[in-house]
N, C-alpha and C. Protein backbone atom coordinates (compact mmCIF):
# COMPACT_ATOMS: atom_id res chain seq x y z
N MET A 1 5.89 10.77 -24.31
CA MET A 1 4.57 10.62 -23.70
C MET A 1 4.63 10.36 -22.21
N GLU A 2 5.69 11.19 -21.61
CA GLU A 2 5.82 10.98 -20.19
C GLU A 2 4.87 11.82 -19.42
N SER A 3 4.27 11.48 -18.34
CA SER A 3 3.43 12.28 -17.58
C SER A 3 4.19 12.98 -16.45
N ILE A 4 3.57 13.64 -15.64
CA ILE A 4 4.15 14.39 -14.49
C ILE A 4 4.93 13.38 -13.54
N LEU A 5 4.53 12.01 -13.62
CA LEU A 5 5.08 11.12 -12.82
C LEU A 5 6.50 10.65 -13.16
N GLY A 6 6.96 11.15 -14.31
CA GLY A 6 8.28 10.71 -14.86
C GLY A 6 8.27 9.42 -15.54
N ALA A 7 7.14 8.91 -15.83
CA ALA A 7 6.89 7.58 -16.53
C ALA A 7 5.68 7.76 -17.38
N THR A 8 5.62 6.76 -18.39
CA THR A 8 4.34 6.65 -19.10
C THR A 8 3.31 5.95 -18.21
N TRP A 9 2.18 6.20 -18.63
CA TRP A 9 1.03 5.54 -17.88
C TRP A 9 1.12 4.03 -17.79
N GLY A 10 1.40 3.42 -18.92
CA GLY A 10 1.68 1.98 -18.94
C GLY A 10 2.76 1.50 -17.88
N GLU A 11 3.89 2.19 -17.91
CA GLU A 11 4.93 1.86 -16.88
C GLU A 11 4.46 2.07 -15.56
N PHE A 12 3.83 3.21 -15.25
CA PHE A 12 3.33 3.39 -13.91
C PHE A 12 2.25 2.36 -13.49
N ILE A 13 1.46 1.90 -14.35
CA ILE A 13 0.43 0.84 -13.95
C ILE A 13 1.18 -0.49 -13.78
N PHE A 14 2.02 -0.84 -14.65
CA PHE A 14 2.84 -2.08 -14.56
C PHE A 14 3.63 -2.09 -13.16
N LEU A 15 4.51 -1.17 -13.08
CA LEU A 15 5.50 -1.22 -12.00
C LEU A 15 4.87 -0.75 -10.70
N THR A 16 4.17 0.41 -10.62
CA THR A 16 3.65 0.92 -9.30
C THR A 16 2.42 0.17 -8.87
N VAL A 17 1.39 0.12 -9.84
CA VAL A 17 0.12 -0.41 -9.33
C VAL A 17 0.17 -1.85 -9.23
N ILE A 18 0.68 -2.59 -10.20
CA ILE A 18 0.58 -4.09 -10.24
C ILE A 18 1.69 -4.60 -9.28
N MET A 19 3.01 -4.34 -9.62
CA MET A 19 4.07 -5.04 -8.92
C MET A 19 4.25 -4.49 -7.45
N PHE A 20 4.40 -3.27 -7.27
CA PHE A 20 4.55 -2.71 -5.96
C PHE A 20 3.31 -2.51 -5.24
N GLY A 21 2.25 -2.31 -5.96
CA GLY A 21 0.89 -2.33 -5.15
C GLY A 21 0.61 -3.63 -4.60
N GLY A 22 0.97 -4.63 -5.22
CA GLY A 22 0.74 -6.00 -4.68
C GLY A 22 1.71 -6.24 -3.40
N ALA A 23 2.88 -5.73 -3.53
CA ALA A 23 3.75 -5.79 -2.36
C ALA A 23 3.16 -5.01 -1.17
N ALA A 24 2.70 -3.80 -1.49
CA ALA A 24 2.17 -2.93 -0.43
C ALA A 24 0.94 -3.61 0.23
N TYR A 25 0.10 -4.25 -0.67
CA TYR A 25 -1.07 -5.00 -0.11
C TYR A 25 -0.60 -6.07 0.77
N MET A 26 0.37 -6.91 0.36
CA MET A 26 0.84 -7.91 1.28
C MET A 26 1.48 -7.42 2.52
N MET A 27 2.22 -6.15 2.42
CA MET A 27 2.76 -5.63 3.61
C MET A 27 1.66 -5.17 4.62
N GLY A 28 0.57 -4.54 4.14
CA GLY A 28 -0.45 -4.26 5.03
C GLY A 28 -1.14 -5.39 5.63
N LEU A 29 -1.31 -6.45 4.82
CA LEU A 29 -1.88 -7.71 5.29
C LEU A 29 -1.11 -8.35 6.44
N SER A 30 0.20 -8.33 6.18
CA SER A 30 1.12 -8.95 7.23
C SER A 30 1.26 -8.15 8.58
N LEU A 31 1.17 -6.82 8.37
CA LEU A 31 1.22 -6.04 9.58
C LEU A 31 -0.05 -6.18 10.39
N ALA A 32 -1.19 -6.29 9.74
CA ALA A 32 -2.44 -6.56 10.50
C ALA A 32 -2.52 -7.90 11.02
N GLU A 33 -1.98 -8.89 10.32
CA GLU A 33 -2.03 -10.22 10.68
C GLU A 33 -1.25 -10.48 12.03
N THR A 34 -0.23 -9.63 12.21
CA THR A 34 0.67 -9.84 13.34
C THR A 34 0.38 -8.78 14.46
N TRP A 35 -0.73 -8.11 14.29
CA TRP A 35 -1.26 -7.04 15.27
C TRP A 35 -0.25 -5.92 15.49
N ARG A 36 0.46 -5.60 14.50
CA ARG A 36 1.40 -4.37 14.54
C ARG A 36 0.57 -3.16 14.51
N PRO A 37 1.02 -1.95 14.91
CA PRO A 37 0.37 -0.77 14.84
C PRO A 37 0.25 -0.31 13.37
N MET A 38 -0.90 0.49 13.12
CA MET A 38 -1.16 0.94 11.77
C MET A 38 -0.03 1.90 11.36
N ALA A 39 0.53 2.59 12.25
CA ALA A 39 1.55 3.57 11.90
C ALA A 39 2.81 3.02 11.31
N GLN A 40 3.05 1.71 11.31
CA GLN A 40 4.17 1.07 10.75
C GLN A 40 3.94 0.96 9.27
N CYS A 41 2.77 1.19 8.76
CA CYS A 41 2.52 1.25 7.23
C CYS A 41 3.37 2.40 6.61
N LEU A 42 3.49 3.53 7.34
CA LEU A 42 4.18 4.75 6.78
C LEU A 42 5.63 4.56 6.50
N PRO A 43 6.49 4.11 7.40
CA PRO A 43 7.92 3.93 7.11
C PRO A 43 8.12 2.82 6.09
N TYR A 44 7.33 1.77 6.25
CA TYR A 44 7.58 0.63 5.17
C TYR A 44 7.00 1.13 3.88
N GLY A 45 6.02 1.95 3.77
CA GLY A 45 5.47 2.49 2.49
C GLY A 45 6.50 3.46 1.96
N VAL A 46 7.28 4.06 2.64
CA VAL A 46 8.27 5.00 2.12
C VAL A 46 9.45 4.18 1.53
N LEU A 47 9.77 3.19 2.25
CA LEU A 47 10.77 2.33 1.68
C LEU A 47 10.40 1.63 0.41
N LEU A 48 9.07 1.24 0.30
CA LEU A 48 8.57 0.64 -0.93
C LEU A 48 8.62 1.72 -2.00
N GLY A 49 8.31 2.96 -1.66
CA GLY A 49 8.21 3.99 -2.68
C GLY A 49 9.66 4.22 -3.18
N ALA A 50 10.70 4.18 -2.30
CA ALA A 50 12.03 4.34 -2.86
C ALA A 50 12.47 3.16 -3.67
N ALA A 51 12.06 2.04 -3.41
CA ALA A 51 12.39 0.80 -4.11
C ALA A 51 11.74 0.94 -5.49
N ASN A 52 10.45 1.46 -5.48
CA ASN A 52 9.70 1.68 -6.69
C ASN A 52 10.44 2.57 -7.70
N ARG A 53 10.92 3.63 -7.19
CA ARG A 53 11.68 4.56 -7.97
C ARG A 53 13.08 3.93 -8.59
N LEU A 54 13.68 3.23 -7.73
CA LEU A 54 14.92 2.53 -8.16
C LEU A 54 14.65 1.48 -9.24
N PHE A 55 13.60 0.72 -9.11
CA PHE A 55 13.25 -0.30 -10.09
C PHE A 55 12.71 0.39 -11.40
N GLY A 56 12.13 1.53 -11.31
CA GLY A 56 11.86 2.32 -12.44
C GLY A 56 13.04 2.85 -13.19
N ASN A 57 14.10 3.12 -12.47
CA ASN A 57 15.27 3.48 -13.07
C ASN A 57 16.04 2.27 -13.65
N PHE A 58 16.04 1.15 -13.05
CA PHE A 58 16.65 -0.10 -13.57
C PHE A 58 16.03 -0.52 -14.89
N PHE A 59 14.67 -0.60 -14.87
CA PHE A 59 13.95 -1.12 -16.05
C PHE A 59 13.61 -0.22 -17.04
N PHE A 60 13.22 1.04 -16.71
CA PHE A 60 12.74 1.94 -17.80
C PHE A 60 13.55 3.22 -17.84
N ALA A 61 14.69 3.39 -17.17
CA ALA A 61 15.56 4.53 -17.11
C ALA A 61 14.79 5.79 -16.78
N HIS A 62 13.96 5.70 -15.66
CA HIS A 62 13.33 6.78 -15.01
C HIS A 62 14.35 7.69 -14.32
N ASP A 63 13.97 8.87 -14.07
CA ASP A 63 14.92 9.74 -13.24
C ASP A 63 14.50 9.50 -11.78
N VAL A 64 15.56 8.97 -11.06
CA VAL A 64 15.33 8.61 -9.69
C VAL A 64 14.91 9.77 -8.80
N LEU A 65 15.50 10.98 -9.15
CA LEU A 65 15.24 12.09 -8.23
C LEU A 65 13.98 12.79 -8.65
N SER A 66 13.10 12.20 -9.37
CA SER A 66 11.81 12.91 -9.79
C SER A 66 10.87 13.04 -8.55
N VAL A 67 10.75 14.20 -7.88
CA VAL A 67 10.05 14.32 -6.74
C VAL A 67 8.59 14.09 -6.86
N PRO A 68 7.88 14.58 -7.95
CA PRO A 68 6.43 14.29 -8.11
C PRO A 68 6.20 12.73 -8.29
N GLY A 69 7.15 12.12 -9.02
CA GLY A 69 7.04 10.66 -9.16
C GLY A 69 7.14 9.88 -7.96
N LEU A 70 8.17 10.38 -7.11
CA LEU A 70 8.33 9.66 -5.86
C LEU A 70 7.12 9.82 -4.87
N VAL A 71 6.71 11.08 -4.84
CA VAL A 71 5.52 11.45 -3.93
C VAL A 71 4.27 10.70 -4.30
N VAL A 72 3.98 10.75 -5.59
CA VAL A 72 2.68 10.09 -6.11
C VAL A 72 2.76 8.57 -5.80
N GLY A 73 3.92 7.96 -6.24
CA GLY A 73 4.01 6.59 -6.05
C GLY A 73 4.05 6.00 -4.65
N THR A 74 4.75 6.88 -3.78
CA THR A 74 4.74 6.44 -2.29
C THR A 74 3.36 6.61 -1.62
N LEU A 75 2.65 7.71 -2.03
CA LEU A 75 1.37 7.82 -1.48
C LEU A 75 0.35 6.77 -1.90
N PHE A 76 0.47 6.37 -3.05
CA PHE A 76 -0.40 5.26 -3.68
C PHE A 76 -0.12 4.09 -2.87
N LEU A 77 1.21 3.68 -2.68
CA LEU A 77 1.67 2.46 -2.01
C LEU A 77 1.14 2.50 -0.51
N ILE A 78 1.28 3.68 0.04
CA ILE A 78 0.90 3.76 1.48
C ILE A 78 -0.61 3.55 1.64
N LEU A 79 -1.35 4.22 0.67
CA LEU A 79 -2.85 3.97 0.71
C LEU A 79 -3.25 2.54 0.53
N VAL A 80 -2.65 1.89 -0.44
CA VAL A 80 -2.89 0.40 -0.67
C VAL A 80 -2.57 -0.36 0.62
N ALA A 81 -1.43 -0.06 1.36
CA ALA A 81 -1.17 -0.72 2.54
C ALA A 81 -2.13 -0.50 3.66
N LEU A 82 -2.63 0.76 3.80
CA LEU A 82 -3.53 1.09 4.77
C LEU A 82 -4.89 0.43 4.47
N PHE A 83 -5.32 0.38 3.23
CA PHE A 83 -6.50 -0.33 2.93
C PHE A 83 -6.40 -1.81 3.35
N ALA A 84 -5.33 -2.48 2.96
CA ALA A 84 -5.15 -3.84 3.26
C ALA A 84 -5.12 -4.05 4.79
N TYR A 85 -4.43 -3.15 5.45
CA TYR A 85 -4.34 -3.27 6.97
C TYR A 85 -5.79 -3.27 7.54
N ARG A 86 -6.59 -2.17 7.12
CA ARG A 86 -7.82 -1.99 7.83
C ARG A 86 -8.81 -3.06 7.49
N THR A 87 -8.86 -3.59 6.24
CA THR A 87 -9.74 -4.74 5.93
C THR A 87 -9.32 -5.99 6.64
N THR A 88 -8.11 -6.26 6.75
CA THR A 88 -7.67 -7.46 7.51
C THR A 88 -7.91 -7.39 9.02
N GLN A 89 -7.76 -6.13 9.55
CA GLN A 89 -8.05 -5.89 10.99
C GLN A 89 -9.51 -6.08 11.26
N ALA A 90 -10.34 -5.66 10.35
CA ALA A 90 -11.76 -5.69 10.54
C ALA A 90 -12.20 -7.20 10.58
N ARG A 91 -11.62 -7.97 9.60
CA ARG A 91 -11.90 -9.39 9.41
C ARG A 91 -11.46 -10.14 10.76
N LYS A 92 -10.23 -9.79 11.20
CA LYS A 92 -9.60 -10.49 12.36
C LYS A 92 -10.40 -10.13 13.67
N MET A 93 -10.89 -8.92 13.81
CA MET A 93 -11.64 -8.53 14.98
C MET A 93 -12.90 -9.31 15.04
N VAL A 94 -13.61 -9.37 13.94
CA VAL A 94 -14.85 -10.07 13.99
C VAL A 94 -14.71 -11.71 14.12
N ALA A 95 -13.63 -12.18 13.55
CA ALA A 95 -13.35 -13.61 13.60
C ALA A 95 -12.94 -14.06 15.06
N GLN A 96 -12.03 -13.17 15.58
CA GLN A 96 -11.50 -13.51 16.91
C GLN A 96 -12.40 -13.30 18.03
N TYR A 97 -13.24 -12.18 17.96
CA TYR A 97 -14.15 -11.76 19.07
C TYR A 97 -15.63 -11.76 18.55
N PRO A 98 -16.22 -12.92 18.16
CA PRO A 98 -17.56 -12.82 17.57
C PRO A 98 -18.61 -12.46 18.63
N TRP A 99 -18.33 -12.63 19.92
CA TRP A 99 -19.33 -12.23 20.89
C TRP A 99 -19.36 -10.85 21.24
N LEU A 100 -18.31 -10.15 20.78
CA LEU A 100 -18.27 -8.62 21.00
C LEU A 100 -18.59 -7.78 19.74
N TYR A 101 -18.07 -8.26 18.55
CA TYR A 101 -18.23 -7.56 17.41
C TYR A 101 -18.93 -8.12 16.27
N GLN A 102 -19.48 -7.37 15.32
CA GLN A 102 -19.97 -7.83 14.13
C GLN A 102 -19.54 -6.90 12.99
N ARG A 103 -19.54 -7.35 11.75
CA ARG A 103 -19.01 -6.61 10.63
C ARG A 103 -19.89 -5.46 10.32
N ALA A 104 -19.26 -4.38 10.04
CA ALA A 104 -20.02 -3.16 9.63
C ALA A 104 -19.30 -2.54 8.46
N GLY A 105 -19.56 -3.15 7.30
CA GLY A 105 -18.94 -2.62 6.04
C GLY A 105 -17.57 -3.41 5.77
N LEU A 106 -16.86 -2.96 4.78
CA LEU A 106 -15.63 -3.62 4.32
C LEU A 106 -14.51 -3.38 5.41
N MET A 107 -14.45 -2.23 5.85
CA MET A 107 -13.33 -1.86 6.76
C MET A 107 -13.65 -1.57 8.31
N GLY A 108 -14.81 -1.95 8.59
CA GLY A 108 -15.25 -1.63 10.04
C GLY A 108 -15.90 -2.71 10.76
N TRP A 109 -16.09 -2.49 11.94
CA TRP A 109 -16.80 -3.45 12.89
C TRP A 109 -17.52 -2.63 13.96
N LYS A 110 -18.56 -3.17 14.62
CA LYS A 110 -19.27 -2.52 15.70
C LYS A 110 -19.48 -3.52 16.84
N LYS A 111 -19.82 -2.92 17.88
CA LYS A 111 -20.11 -3.64 19.07
C LYS A 111 -21.54 -4.26 18.86
N ILE A 112 -21.72 -5.41 19.41
CA ILE A 112 -22.99 -6.14 19.35
C ILE A 112 -23.92 -5.54 20.43
């Protein structure tokens, strides 16, 4: 019952979505908290994607060289990190500069 990802859906949800998705969320959060550029989410996300494939091999005997699995998992982790980065950045901009900005949705701010 393997999908194109090289894993079953349960394994994908447990390993990629829950475990490494949480790590990607914390990575995006910490990059935004320290005012790092958003572009740093990309190389760190690729490293998390590679670690995700290795842990899949260690725990579930997945094929490490499965290109579709690597691409889908890495893209998912990068998107989670970018979401966390942007929401944290919006919260920090409004909290740090309340006289300049107000919240405009979950991931945005606007000038007052």
